[in-house]
Protein backbone atom coordinates (compact mmCIF):
# COMPACT_ATOMS: atom_id res chain seq x y z
CA UNK A 1 124.91 103.04 116.16
CA UNK A 2 123.32 103.20 112.70
CA UNK A 3 121.67 100.18 111.10
CA UNK A 4 121.18 99.63 107.39
CA UNK A 5 118.88 96.97 105.93
CA UNK A 6 118.66 95.39 102.48
CA UNK A 7 115.59 93.24 101.82
CA UNK A 8 115.39 90.81 98.91
CA UNK A 9 111.99 89.61 97.69
CA UNK A 10 111.64 86.63 95.34
CA UNK A 11 108.21 86.54 93.70
CA UNK A 12 107.70 83.01 92.45
CA UNK A 13 104.75 83.86 90.18
CA UNK A 14 104.48 87.54 89.24
CA UNK A 15 101.08 87.06 87.60
CA UNK A 16 99.58 85.82 90.89
CA UNK A 17 101.59 87.69 93.52
CA UNK A 18 102.84 90.99 92.05
CA UNK A 19 99.64 92.90 92.80
CA UNK A 20 99.56 91.84 96.45
CA UNK A 21 103.27 92.57 96.82
CA UNK A 22 102.91 96.00 95.23
CA UNK A 23 100.02 96.85 97.56
CA UNK A 24 102.18 96.12 100.63
CA UNK A 25 105.13 98.07 99.21
CA UNK A 26 102.94 101.07 98.38
CA UNK A 27 101.47 101.09 101.90
CA UNK A 28 105.03 101.08 103.30
CA UNK A 29 106.68 103.41 100.79
CA UNK A 30 107.92 105.64 103.62
CA UNK A 31 110.35 102.82 104.55
CA UNK A 32 111.83 102.37 101.06
CA UNK A 33 114.94 104.41 100.28
CA UNK A 34 115.62 102.67 96.96
CA UNK A 35 114.19 99.79 94.95
CA UNK A 36 115.42 97.61 92.07
CA UNK A 37 113.36 95.00 90.27
CA UNK A 38 114.36 92.19 87.90
CA UNK A 39 112.19 89.89 85.78
CA UNK A 40 113.74 89.58 82.33
CA UNK A 41 114.79 86.14 81.15
CA UNK A 42 116.01 87.43 77.81
CA UNK A 43 115.60 90.56 75.70
CA UNK A 44 112.38 89.16 74.21
CA UNK A 45 110.80 87.25 77.14
CA UNK A 46 109.72 88.22 80.65
CA UNK A 47 109.83 85.60 83.37
CA UNK A 48 106.91 84.75 85.63
CA UNK A 49 109.45 84.88 88.46
CA UNK A 50 110.69 88.26 89.66
CA UNK A 51 113.03 89.72 92.24
CA UNK A 52 112.90 93.03 94.09
CA UNK A 53 115.76 94.44 96.15
CA UNK A 54 114.92 97.16 98.67
CA UNK A 55 117.15 99.47 100.69
CA UNK A 56 115.11 100.29 103.77
CA UNK A 57 115.05 103.35 105.99
CA UNK A 58 113.20 103.86 109.27
CA UNK A 59 113.45 101.75 112.40
CA UNK A 60 114.01 98.02 112.93
CA UNK A 61 110.49 97.74 114.38
CA UNK A 62 109.02 99.14 111.16
CA UNK A 63 111.16 96.75 109.11
CA UNK A 64 109.80 93.81 111.10
CA UNK A 65 106.21 94.89 110.41
CA UNK A 66 106.95 95.18 106.67
CA UNK A 67 108.51 91.71 106.65
CA UNK A 68 105.46 90.25 108.45
CA UNK A 69 103.14 91.78 105.86
CA UNK A 70 105.24 90.44 103.00
CA UNK A 71 105.58 86.98 104.59
CA UNK A 72 101.78 86.79 104.72
CA UNK A 73 101.74 86.70 100.91
CA UNK A 74 101.89 83.14 99.63
CA UNK A 75 104.39 82.62 96.83
CA UNK A 76 107.15 84.99 97.87
CA UNK A 77 110.42 84.43 99.71
CA UNK A 78 112.34 87.04 101.71
CA UNK A 79 116.06 87.31 102.39
CA UNK A 80 117.73 90.16 104.22
CA UNK A 81 121.02 91.71 105.18
CA UNK A 82 121.54 94.09 108.11
CA UNK A 83 124.65 96.20 108.48
CA UNK A 84 125.72 98.15 111.54
CA UNK A 85 128.01 101.16 111.34
């Protein structure tokens, strides 16, 4: 049975938390199949809040470790979806 995982990351203050978040994502880049990021409020202004959506690959145990590392960062919120085929 194959499992597919989508992880959503809400960064509440990009100025404070983006560097820490990026460090964790870079260390775990082998688990990231695709990544989308959003932070625009309008065409002329960037928001301090940002959102990243990840499609993960690898094993559920590795996903759990990534989530623990991200949850250790104050100022972010995680949401996830897991699909089984």
